[in-house]
Amino acid sequence: MTSRSNAPKINFRALRMTQDDLSEPQKIYISDLSKRYSSKTSSSKKWARDNYVKFCDWINTLSFKLSIKEMIYPIISESSKGSHFTDIDGNEYVDIAMGYGSVFLGHNPQFQKEAIIAQTEKGYELGPQTKLSAEVAEMVCELTGAERTAFLNSGSEAVMTALRMARAVTGKKKIFLFRNSFHGTFDGVLGFTNQNGTFPISPGTNSAMTNDIELLDYGTEEAFERIAECIGECAAVLAEPVQSRKPDLRPVGFLKKLRKLTQDNNTALIFDEVVTGFRLHTGGAQHIFNIKADLVIYGKSFGNGMPISAVGGKKKFMDVIDGGDWRFGDMSKPETDVIFYAGTYFKHPLSMAAAKAVLTELKATGTEHQNRAGKLTERLCEALNKFFTDEKVPVKLIYFGSMFRFESYGEYALHLEPIEMELMFFNMILRGVYTWERRICYLSSAHTEADVDVIINAVKDSVYDLRAGGFTFKG
């Protein structure tokens, strides 16, 4: 047990930019930008002002800084199609948030909409099973190589369930995770490890929930040695094979060594492919890296915006959901103990109908959608990286497949996000390119070459605008 006094101290002052940190020309620039931004999105700002009192949501204050307070409100969408959406002021945007990465085939595709409407006409009763559940499970297994599949509503629920499965099967407790990965909001993964131990990263999370987890640096020899040292007590190693926050880090050799170590020592290797599954390849990073995990967590892309997730994997682990296979007409019975697994909206007929439509499309088209989105992302990132280099802007785009992220460096490396970066994103929104508050970006198979041109020009014009306002982007 670690002492609460040893918990990491967070300097919240360092995470906020106040007016005192800015020169007079910069203050004038931000004031002018705030007016332009508020004018263009006035209905969204009014919506925020009118609804914050009753409507509680983390987006309300995400990325809050006093210096840009007048622009801290969500853009409110009215409608969407393909790679675009329109807000309640009538502004149209090229979307590079794409539902936090969940929308891979574009907003509101006709084939998916028709499937949802058809199921709505039939009904979406809960309680009895629908044929859709087995049909979608069969397709997930076929496309990913999983032996069995179970469904949930969110990635967080799937992570929680996968860890419970691993502990039940192995009889061990310890879980290793990696820094810069995101595994949702389950208390059991909300930890931060330093030299004094592991501590909760969120108020309200009991320290007992994080006692059995440890975070390491992804892909390092030190991490492998630490896991090997504790493998006798380790129930699972949980990894995003490609981290959404660090898509350029792809330690395949490290993962292959982990695969052998865990396989030889009754430890589950769990891949969190909520983001990468189906987006990079129908078989996910497992296929690309040729590494078969024991359990794999899916979400986002195979629902294309609908609330659905899944845990798939080896029968040895999956059987703790229902006791394993048995037959009618003989003396067979469930052979394993079962974990607690339940959710009213698991296998919701509308989500299942949407997922079946998406998987049918992905199966029919092979890697066509992934290749298209990946090539567009490569053109976008390489063009902007050249621009940043030529203009000596300390920013680069890191990417893999159709995932990308703006990353600052130089003197800004110690900041959560430099003020110039924040202002660049607001400028991009002014120019018709939408990013969400965490700035992890995605293209979809619905994006076009013209969309990429819009994004490139929006970034360039934003940098020029900021420089004219007194922000130099010093490297």
Protein backbone atom coordinates (compact mmCIF):
# COMPACT_ATOMS: atom_id res chain seq x y z
CA MET A 1 0.00 0.00 0.00
CA THR A 2 1.36 3.42 -0.96
CA SER A 3 0.94 6.61 1.03
CA ARG A 4 -1.52 9.20 -0.21
CA SER A 5 1.12 11.86 0.49
CA ASN A 6 3.30 10.27 -2.20
CA ALA A 7 0.68 10.85 -4.88
CA PRO A 8 1.93 12.97 -7.81
CA LYS A 9 1.35 16.70 -7.43
CA ILE A 10 -0.20 18.41 -10.45
CA ASN A 11 0.68 22.05 -11.05
CA PHE A 12 -2.65 23.31 -12.33
CA ARG A 13 -1.18 26.79 -12.79
CA ALA A 14 1.13 25.35 -15.44
CA LEU A 15 -1.86 23.96 -17.29
CA ARG A 16 -3.61 27.34 -17.57
CA MET A 17 -2.59 30.29 -19.70
CA THR A 18 -3.72 33.60 -18.17
CA GLN A 19 -3.71 37.05 -19.72
CA ASP A 20 -0.60 37.84 -17.66
CA ASP A 21 1.40 35.38 -19.78
CA LEU A 22 0.73 37.30 -22.99
CA SER A 23 2.18 40.41 -24.60
CA GLU A 24 -0.14 43.32 -25.39
CA PRO A 25 -0.26 42.53 -29.15
CA GLN A 26 -1.09 38.92 -28.31
CA LYS A 27 -3.89 39.97 -25.96
CA ILE A 28 -5.30 42.20 -28.70
CA TYR A 29 -5.07 39.34 -31.18
CA ILE A 30 -6.89 36.88 -28.90
CA SER A 31 -9.60 39.45 -28.22
CA ASP A 32 -10.12 39.93 -31.96
CA LEU A 33 -10.03 36.18 -32.66
CA SER A 34 -12.57 35.59 -29.90
CA LYS A 35 -14.92 38.13 -31.46
CA ARG A 36 -14.58 36.57 -34.92
CA TYR A 37 -15.05 33.08 -33.56
CA SER A 38 -18.01 34.02 -31.37
CA SER A 39 -19.65 35.84 -34.27
CA LYS A 40 -19.36 32.88 -36.64
CA THR A 41 -20.61 30.39 -34.03
CA SER A 42 -22.94 32.67 -32.07
CA SER A 43 -25.79 30.14 -31.86
CA SER A 44 -23.46 27.50 -30.42
CA LYS A 45 -22.22 30.00 -27.83
CA LYS A 46 -25.78 30.97 -26.93
CA TRP A 47 -26.71 27.28 -26.64
CA ALA A 48 -23.80 26.77 -24.25
CA ARG A 49 -24.70 29.81 -22.18
CA ASP A 50 -28.36 28.75 -21.96
CA ASN A 51 -27.73 25.10 -21.13
CA TYR A 52 -24.66 24.84 -18.90
CA VAL A 53 -26.69 25.24 -15.70
CA LYS A 54 -28.77 22.09 -16.25
CA PHE A 55 -26.66 20.13 -18.74
CA CYS A 56 -23.51 18.71 -17.16
CA ASP A 57 -20.78 17.46 -19.51
CA TRP A 58 -16.98 17.33 -19.50
CA ILE A 59 -16.83 19.09 -22.88
CA ASN A 60 -18.13 22.23 -21.15
CA THR A 61 -14.71 23.02 -19.68
CA LEU A 62 -12.33 20.72 -21.57
CA SER A 63 -9.09 22.57 -22.46
CA PHE A 64 -10.19 25.56 -20.37
CA LYS A 65 -7.76 28.48 -20.19
CA LEU A 66 -8.67 31.93 -18.93
CA SER A 67 -7.00 33.63 -21.87
CA ILE A 68 -9.31 31.89 -24.37
CA LYS A 69 -12.35 31.59 -22.13
CA GLU A 70 -14.66 33.31 -24.66
CA MET A 71 -14.07 30.48 -27.15
CA ILE A 72 -14.49 27.58 -24.72
CA TYR A 73 -17.80 26.09 -25.80
CA PRO A 74 -18.76 23.15 -28.03
CA ILE A 75 -19.82 23.56 -31.64
CA ILE A 76 -23.41 22.32 -31.87
CA SER A 77 -24.16 20.15 -34.88
CA GLU A 78 -27.40 20.26 -36.86
CA SER A 79 -26.77 17.60 -39.53
CA SER A 80 -24.01 15.54 -41.12
CA LYS A 81 -23.16 13.66 -44.29
CA GLY A 82 -19.98 11.97 -45.40
CA SER A 83 -16.93 13.92 -44.20
CA HIS A 84 -18.87 17.10 -43.40
CA PHE A 85 -21.31 18.41 -40.81
CA THR A 86 -23.31 21.61 -40.48
CA ASP A 87 -23.70 23.52 -37.22
CA ILE A 88 -26.77 25.35 -35.91
CA ASP A 89 -25.46 28.61 -37.41
CA GLY A 90 -25.45 27.01 -40.86
CA ASN A 91 -21.64 26.73 -41.05
CA GLU A 92 -20.33 23.66 -42.86
CA TYR A 93 -17.14 21.96 -41.70
CA VAL A 94 -14.73 19.35 -42.95
CA ASP A 95 -14.72 17.05 -39.92
CA ILE A 96 -11.39 15.64 -38.73
CA ALA A 97 -12.75 14.53 -35.35
CA MET A 98 -15.11 12.00 -36.97
CA GLY A 99 -16.88 10.94 -33.81
CA TYR A 100 -13.64 10.58 -31.79
CA GLY A 101 -12.52 8.14 -34.46
CA SER A 102 -15.70 6.07 -34.46
CA VAL A 103 -16.91 7.22 -37.87
CA PHE A 104 -14.72 5.50 -40.45
CA LEU A 105 -17.12 5.12 -43.38
CA GLY A 106 -18.42 8.68 -43.17
CA HIS A 107 -21.37 10.26 -41.42
CA ASN A 108 -24.78 8.78 -42.13
CA PRO A 109 -23.94 6.45 -45.06
CA GLN A 110 -27.02 5.33 -46.97
CA PHE A 111 -26.47 1.59 -46.48
CA GLN A 112 -26.19 1.98 -42.70
CA LYS A 113 -29.12 4.37 -42.45
CA GLU A 114 -31.34 1.95 -44.38
CA ALA A 115 -30.36 -0.91 -42.06
CA ILE A 116 -31.20 1.11 -38.96
CA ILE A 117 -34.53 2.29 -40.38
CA ALA A 118 -35.47 -1.25 -41.39
CA GLN A 119 -34.72 -2.55 -37.89
CA THR A 120 -36.67 0.34 -36.34
CA GLU A 121 -39.69 -0.76 -38.36
CA LYS A 122 -39.30 -4.33 -37.08
CA GLY A 123 -38.77 -3.21 -33.48
CA TYR A 124 -35.93 -3.00 -30.97
CA GLU A 125 -37.24 -5.08 -28.12
CA LEU A 126 -34.85 -6.01 -25.33
CA GLY A 127 -34.91 -9.27 -23.40
CA PRO A 128 -35.34 -11.86 -26.15
CA GLN A 129 -32.33 -12.45 -28.35
CA THR A 130 -32.32 -11.37 -31.99
CA LYS A 131 -30.78 -13.25 -34.88
CA LEU A 132 -28.61 -10.19 -35.51
CA SER A 133 -26.42 -10.87 -32.45
CA ALA A 134 -25.20 -14.21 -33.74
CA GLU A 135 -24.85 -12.89 -37.30
CA VAL A 136 -22.65 -9.99 -36.19
CA ALA A 137 -20.60 -12.25 -33.88
CA GLU A 138 -19.98 -14.61 -36.78
CA MET A 139 -18.77 -11.72 -38.95
CA VAL A 140 -16.48 -10.31 -36.24
CA CYS A 141 -14.92 -13.75 -35.77
CA GLU A 142 -14.52 -14.24 -39.53
CA LEU A 143 -12.88 -10.87 -40.14
CA THR A 144 -10.67 -10.73 -37.04
CA GLY A 145 -9.85 -14.38 -36.38
CA ALA A 146 -11.44 -14.36 -32.91
CA GLU A 147 -12.78 -17.75 -31.78
CA ARG A 148 -15.72 -16.20 -29.89
CA THR A 149 -17.19 -12.72 -29.45
CA ALA A 150 -19.26 -10.96 -26.77
CA PHE A 151 -20.90 -7.54 -27.14
CA LEU A 152 -21.10 -4.46 -24.92
CA ASN A 153 -21.96 -0.79 -25.42
CA SER A 154 -18.69 1.06 -24.91
CA GLY A 155 -14.95 0.60 -24.97
CA SER A 156 -14.78 1.28 -21.23
CA GLU A 157 -17.18 -1.59 -20.53
CA ALA A 158 -15.23 -3.87 -22.84
CA VAL A 159 -11.93 -3.06 -21.09
CA MET A 160 -13.49 -3.70 -17.68
CA THR A 161 -14.88 -7.03 -18.88
CA ALA A 162 -11.67 -8.17 -20.57
CA LEU A 163 -9.65 -7.55 -17.39
CA ARG A 164 -12.23 -9.41 -15.34
CA MET A 165 -11.98 -12.32 -17.78
CA ALA A 166 -8.19 -12.38 -17.60
CA ARG A 167 -8.14 -12.40 -13.82
CA ALA A 168 -10.82 -15.11 -13.67
CA VAL A 169 -8.97 -17.42 -16.05
CA THR A 170 -5.41 -16.90 -14.81
CA GLY A 171 -6.20 -16.62 -11.09
CA LYS A 172 -3.79 -13.68 -10.89
CA LYS A 173 -4.35 -9.98 -10.17
CA LYS A 174 -1.66 -7.67 -11.53
CA ILE A 175 -2.25 -5.76 -14.78
CA PHE A 176 0.42 -3.93 -16.76
CA LEU A 177 -0.54 -0.96 -18.93
CA PHE A 178 1.45 1.61 -20.89
CA ARG A 179 1.74 5.38 -20.68
CA ASN A 180 0.05 7.42 -23.43
CA SER A 181 -2.53 4.69 -23.97
CA PHE A 182 -6.21 5.38 -23.41
CA HIS A 183 -8.44 2.58 -22.14
CA GLY A 184 -11.60 4.46 -21.25
CA THR A 185 -13.09 5.54 -17.93
CA PHE A 186 -13.19 2.34 -15.85
CA ASP A 187 -11.75 3.10 -12.39
CA GLY A 188 -9.56 0.01 -12.58
CA VAL A 189 -7.33 1.55 -15.27
CA LEU A 190 -7.32 5.19 -14.10
CA GLY A 191 -3.88 5.07 -12.57
CA PHE A 192 -0.58 6.91 -12.76
CA THR A 193 2.69 5.22 -11.79
CA ASN A 194 5.77 7.01 -10.45
CA GLN A 195 8.70 5.94 -8.29
CA ASN A 196 6.44 5.81 -5.23
CA GLY A 197 3.78 3.52 -6.66
CA THR A 198 0.53 3.75 -8.59
CA PHE A 199 -2.11 6.34 -7.74
CA PRO A 200 -5.55 7.29 -9.08
CA ILE A 201 -5.50 10.05 -11.68
CA SER A 202 -9.04 11.17 -10.96
CA PRO A 203 -10.74 12.49 -7.84
CA GLY A 204 -13.37 9.96 -6.79
CA THR A 205 -11.34 6.89 -7.78
CA ASN A 206 -10.52 4.78 -4.73
CA SER A 207 -6.84 3.93 -4.47
CA ALA A 208 -7.77 0.28 -3.98
CA MET A 209 -8.96 0.23 -7.59
CA THR A 210 -5.44 0.95 -8.87
CA ASN A 211 -3.37 -1.11 -6.43
CA ASP A 212 -2.94 -3.96 -8.89
CA ILE A 213 -2.03 -1.96 -11.99
CA GLU A 214 1.29 -0.53 -13.11
CA LEU A 215 2.05 1.79 -16.02
CA LEU A 216 5.24 1.43 -18.01
CA ASP A 217 6.82 3.12 -21.03
CA TYR A 218 5.53 1.45 -24.18
CA GLY A 219 8.03 -0.49 -26.26
CA THR A 220 11.03 -0.16 -23.95
CA GLU A 221 13.39 -2.88 -22.79
CA GLU A 222 12.91 -1.66 -19.22
CA ALA A 223 9.16 -2.26 -19.53
CA PHE A 224 9.69 -5.78 -20.82
CA GLU A 225 12.11 -6.59 -18.02
CA ARG A 226 9.67 -5.28 -15.40
CA ILE A 227 6.83 -7.40 -16.82
CA ALA A 228 9.10 -10.45 -16.92
CA GLU A 229 10.10 -9.83 -13.30
CA CYS A 230 6.43 -9.87 -12.19
CA ILE A 231 5.04 -12.37 -14.69
CA GLY A 232 4.18 -14.87 -11.95
CA GLU A 233 1.58 -12.49 -10.52
CA CYS A 234 0.53 -10.89 -13.81
CA ALA A 235 -3.00 -11.62 -15.06
CA ALA A 236 -2.75 -9.49 -18.18
CA VAL A 237 -0.76 -7.02 -20.22
CA LEU A 238 -3.11 -4.49 -21.82
CA ALA A 239 -1.83 -2.51 -24.79
CA GLU A 240 -3.01 -0.31 -27.59
CA PRO A 241 -0.83 -1.86 -30.31
CA VAL A 242 -0.89 1.54 -32.02
CA GLN A 243 -1.55 4.32 -29.53
CA SER A 244 -4.00 6.96 -30.68
CA ARG A 245 -1.89 9.56 -28.85
CA LYS A 246 1.37 8.29 -30.35
CA PRO A 247 0.56 6.67 -33.71
CA ASP A 248 4.17 6.82 -34.88
CA LEU A 249 5.27 4.44 -32.09
CA ARG A 250 4.84 0.88 -33.34
CA PRO A 251 7.16 -1.48 -31.41
CA VAL A 252 6.37 -4.73 -33.20
CA GLY A 253 9.43 -6.55 -31.84
CA PHE A 254 8.46 -5.58 -28.30
CA LEU A 255 4.93 -6.93 -28.83
CA LYS A 256 6.23 -10.20 -30.27
CA LYS A 257 8.43 -10.69 -27.20
CA LEU A 258 5.44 -9.93 -24.98
CA ARG A 259 3.37 -12.46 -26.89
CA LYS A 260 5.83 -15.25 -26.14
CA LEU A 261 6.36 -14.19 -22.52
CA THR A 262 2.65 -14.06 -21.73
CA GLN A 263 1.86 -17.24 -23.64
CA ASP A 264 4.50 -19.18 -21.70
CA ASN A 265 3.36 -17.89 -18.30
CA ASN A 266 -0.44 -18.12 -18.11
CA THR A 267 -0.87 -14.38 -18.69
CA ALA A 268 -3.37 -12.79 -21.06
CA LEU A 269 -2.14 -10.48 -23.79
CA ILE A 270 -4.98 -8.03 -24.43
CA PHE A 271 -5.03 -5.67 -27.39
CA ASP A 272 -7.19 -2.59 -27.11
CA GLU A 273 -8.20 -2.10 -30.74
CA VAL A 274 -11.15 0.17 -30.04
CA VAL A 275 -9.54 2.73 -32.36
CA THR A 276 -7.41 0.59 -34.66
CA GLY A 277 -9.78 -2.34 -35.17
CA PHE A 278 -11.30 -2.30 -38.68
CA ARG A 279 -9.88 1.20 -39.29
CA LEU A 280 -6.35 0.03 -40.08
CA HIS A 281 -7.45 -3.31 -41.53
CA THR A 282 -10.47 -5.56 -41.08
CA GLY A 283 -8.17 -7.73 -38.97
CA GLY A 284 -6.81 -4.70 -37.13
CA ALA A 285 -3.26 -4.28 -35.87
CA GLN A 286 -3.23 -8.00 -35.09
CA HIS A 287 -3.22 -8.69 -38.82
CA ILE A 288 -0.77 -5.92 -39.71
CA PHE A 289 1.76 -6.96 -37.06
CA ASN A 290 1.03 -10.71 -37.33
CA ILE A 291 0.53 -11.04 -33.58
CA LYS A 292 -2.43 -12.93 -32.14
CA ALA A 293 -3.58 -11.63 -28.77
CA ASP A 294 -5.64 -13.67 -26.30
CA LEU A 295 -8.36 -11.04 -26.07
CA VAL A 296 -9.06 -8.08 -28.35
CA ILE A 297 -11.32 -5.13 -27.58
CA TYR A 298 -13.24 -3.58 -30.48
CA GLY A 299 -15.46 -0.52 -30.79
CA LYS A 300 -15.84 2.69 -32.75
CA SER A 301 -15.34 1.81 -36.45
CA PHE A 302 -17.40 -1.36 -36.63
CA GLY A 303 -20.42 0.57 -35.36
CA ASN A 304 -19.56 3.63 -37.49
CA GLY A 305 -20.91 6.02 -34.88
CA MET A 306 -23.39 3.74 -33.13
CA PRO A 307 -22.85 2.69 -29.48
CA ILE A 308 -21.33 -0.79 -29.63
CA SER A 309 -18.19 -2.58 -28.50
CA ALA A 310 -16.98 -6.16 -28.34
CA VAL A 311 -14.49 -8.44 -26.69
CA GLY A 312 -13.28 -11.21 -28.96
CA GLY A 313 -10.60 -13.80 -28.58
CA LYS A 314 -9.59 -17.27 -27.61
CA LYS A 315 -12.15 -19.74 -26.34
CA LYS A 316 -10.10 -20.35 -23.19
CA PHE A 317 -10.84 -16.80 -22.04
CA MET A 318 -14.18 -16.15 -23.73
CA ASP A 319 -15.83 -19.19 -22.14
CA VAL A 320 -15.98 -17.44 -18.76
CA ILE A 321 -18.79 -15.31 -20.18
CA ASP A 322 -21.20 -18.26 -20.49
CA GLY A 323 -19.46 -21.43 -19.32
CA GLY A 324 -18.41 -22.63 -22.75
CA ASP A 325 -19.98 -24.85 -25.35
CA TRP A 326 -22.62 -27.47 -24.59
CA ARG A 327 -25.25 -29.31 -26.64
CA PHE A 328 -28.86 -30.41 -26.40
CA GLY A 329 -29.71 -34.11 -26.33
CA ASP A 330 -26.70 -35.35 -24.34
CA MET A 331 -25.07 -34.96 -20.91
CA SER A 332 -22.88 -31.96 -21.83
CA LYS A 333 -22.98 -28.85 -19.63
CA PRO A 334 -21.13 -25.58 -19.11
CA GLU A 335 -17.67 -26.53 -17.92
CA THR A 336 -16.20 -23.31 -16.52
CA ASP A 337 -17.10 -20.83 -13.82
CA VAL A 338 -18.56 -17.62 -15.18
CA ILE A 339 -17.86 -13.96 -14.46
CA PHE A 340 -20.49 -11.27 -13.92
CA TYR A 341 -21.45 -10.02 -17.38
CA ALA A 342 -24.67 -8.09 -17.97
CA GLY A 343 -26.01 -4.94 -19.59
CA THR A 344 -29.54 -4.01 -20.59
CA TYR A 345 -28.41 -2.45 -23.84
CA PHE A 346 -25.73 -4.98 -24.79
CA LYS A 347 -26.67 -6.37 -28.23
CA HIS A 348 -29.15 -3.54 -28.83
CA PRO A 349 -30.94 -4.36 -32.11
CA LEU A 350 -30.30 -0.93 -33.67
CA SER A 351 -26.57 -1.11 -32.91
CA MET A 352 -26.46 -4.67 -34.19
CA ALA A 353 -28.23 -3.69 -37.41
CA ALA A 354 -25.75 -0.85 -37.91
CA ALA A 355 -22.76 -3.10 -37.19
CA LYS A 356 -23.97 -5.79 -39.57
CA ALA A 357 -24.30 -3.21 -42.34
CA VAL A 358 -20.79 -1.88 -41.65
CA LEU A 359 -19.17 -5.33 -41.50
CA THR A 360 -20.97 -6.40 -44.67
CA GLU A 361 -19.54 -3.35 -46.44
CA LEU A 362 -16.01 -3.94 -45.10
CA LYS A 363 -16.12 -7.61 -46.02
CA ALA A 364 -17.27 -6.84 -49.56
CA THR A 365 -14.65 -4.17 -50.20
CA GLY A 366 -11.56 -5.81 -48.69
CA THR A 367 -9.03 -3.09 -47.81
CA GLU A 368 -10.43 -0.50 -50.23
CA HIS A 369 -11.71 1.88 -47.55
CA GLN A 370 -8.60 1.56 -45.38
CA ASN A 371 -6.25 2.13 -48.31
CA ARG A 372 -8.14 5.18 -49.50
CA ALA A 373 -8.28 6.86 -46.09
CA GLY A 374 -4.64 5.97 -45.42
CA LYS A 375 -3.39 7.51 -48.67
CA LEU A 376 -5.31 10.72 -48.04
CA THR A 377 -3.88 10.91 -44.52
CA GLU A 378 -0.35 10.39 -45.81
CA ARG A 379 -0.75 13.21 -48.36
CA LEU A 380 -2.18 15.54 -45.72
CA CYS A 381 0.50 14.85 -43.13
CA GLU A 382 3.47 14.92 -45.48
CA ALA A 383 2.33 18.20 -47.07
CA LEU A 384 1.87 19.89 -43.70
CA ASN A 385 5.09 18.49 -42.26
CA LYS A 386 6.95 19.99 -45.21
CA PHE A 387 5.21 23.30 -44.56
CA PHE A 388 6.09 23.22 -40.86
CA THR A 389 9.73 22.44 -41.69
CA ASP A 390 9.98 25.14 -44.36
CA GLU A 391 8.36 27.74 -42.10
CA LYS A 392 10.34 26.63 -39.02
CA VAL A 393 7.13 25.95 -37.09
CA PRO A 394 7.80 23.59 -34.14
CA VAL A 395 4.88 21.32 -34.98
CA LYS A 396 4.68 18.00 -36.77
CA LEU A 397 1.93 15.58 -37.68
CA ILE A 398 2.46 12.02 -36.49
CA TYR A 399 0.28 9.42 -38.16
CA PHE A 400 -0.45 5.83 -39.03
CA GLY A 401 -3.15 4.67 -41.40
CA SER A 402 -5.98 7.22 -41.16
CA MET A 403 -5.09 8.37 -37.60
CA PHE A 404 -3.04 11.51 -37.03
CA ARG A 405 -2.17 14.03 -34.36
CA PHE A 406 -0.57 17.47 -34.24
CA GLU A 407 2.45 17.38 -31.94
CA SER A 408 4.49 20.34 -30.73
CA TYR A 409 8.17 20.21 -29.81
CA GLY A 410 11.08 22.51 -29.07
CA GLU A 411 10.50 24.92 -26.20
CA TYR A 412 6.88 23.76 -26.01
CA ALA A 413 7.67 20.17 -25.12
CA LEU A 414 7.01 20.73 -21.40
CA HIS A 415 3.58 22.31 -21.90
CA LEU A 416 0.32 20.38 -22.05
CA GLU A 417 -0.40 22.30 -25.24
CA PRO A 418 1.15 25.64 -26.18
CA ILE A 419 -1.17 28.59 -26.60
CA GLU A 420 -0.22 28.84 -30.29
CA MET A 421 -1.51 25.32 -30.85
CA GLU A 422 -4.80 26.07 -29.11
CA LEU A 423 -5.26 29.21 -31.19
CA MET A 424 -4.37 27.38 -34.39
CA PHE A 425 -7.25 24.96 -33.84
CA PHE A 426 -9.73 27.79 -33.25
CA ASN A 427 -8.43 29.40 -36.43
CA MET A 428 -8.98 26.15 -38.31
CA ILE A 429 -12.58 26.01 -37.13
CA LEU A 430 -13.03 29.58 -38.35
CA ARG A 431 -11.79 28.34 -41.72
CA GLY A 432 -14.20 25.41 -41.87
CA VAL A 433 -12.13 22.54 -40.41
CA TYR A 434 -13.46 21.03 -37.20
CA THR A 435 -11.32 19.39 -34.53
CA TRP A 436 -12.59 18.25 -31.14
CA GLU A 437 -11.05 19.45 -27.91
CA ARG A 438 -8.48 16.65 -27.49
CA ARG A 439 -7.19 17.19 -31.08
CA ILE A 440 -6.67 13.52 -31.90
CA CYS A 441 -7.67 13.48 -35.55
CA TYR A 442 -8.96 11.03 -38.14
CA LEU A 443 -9.86 10.90 -41.78
CA SER A 444 -12.58 8.62 -43.09
CA SER A 445 -13.09 6.82 -46.36
CA ALA A 446 -15.63 9.55 -47.17
CA HIS A 447 -13.00 12.32 -47.19
CA THR A 448 -11.88 13.57 -50.59
CA GLU A 449 -8.80 15.12 -52.14
CA ALA A 450 -10.67 18.45 -52.04
CA ASP A 451 -11.22 18.00 -48.29
CA VAL A 452 -7.50 17.47 -47.81
CA ASP A 453 -6.79 20.69 -49.71
CA VAL A 454 -9.20 22.56 -47.43
CA ILE A 455 -7.44 21.20 -44.34
CA ILE A 456 -3.95 22.04 -45.64
CA ASN A 457 -4.94 25.59 -46.55
CA ALA A 458 -6.74 26.09 -43.22
CA VAL A 459 -3.61 25.12 -41.28
CA LYS A 460 -1.32 27.30 -43.37
CA ASP A 461 -3.61 30.34 -43.19
CA SER A 462 -4.00 29.84 -39.43
CA VAL A 463 -0.23 29.88 -38.91
CA TYR A 464 0.14 33.03 -41.03
CA ASP A 465 -2.71 34.69 -39.14
CA LEU A 466 -1.14 33.88 -35.77
CA ARG A 467 2.22 35.23 -36.82
CA ALA A 468 0.60 38.47 -37.92
CA GLY A 469 -0.96 38.64 -34.44
CA GLY A 470 2.36 38.41 -32.61
CA PHE A 471 2.71 34.65 -32.11
CA THR A 472 6.03 33.52 -33.49
CA PHE A 473 5.95 29.72 -33.03
CA LYS A 474 9.56 29.72 -31.86
CA GLY A 475 11.21 26.28 -32.13
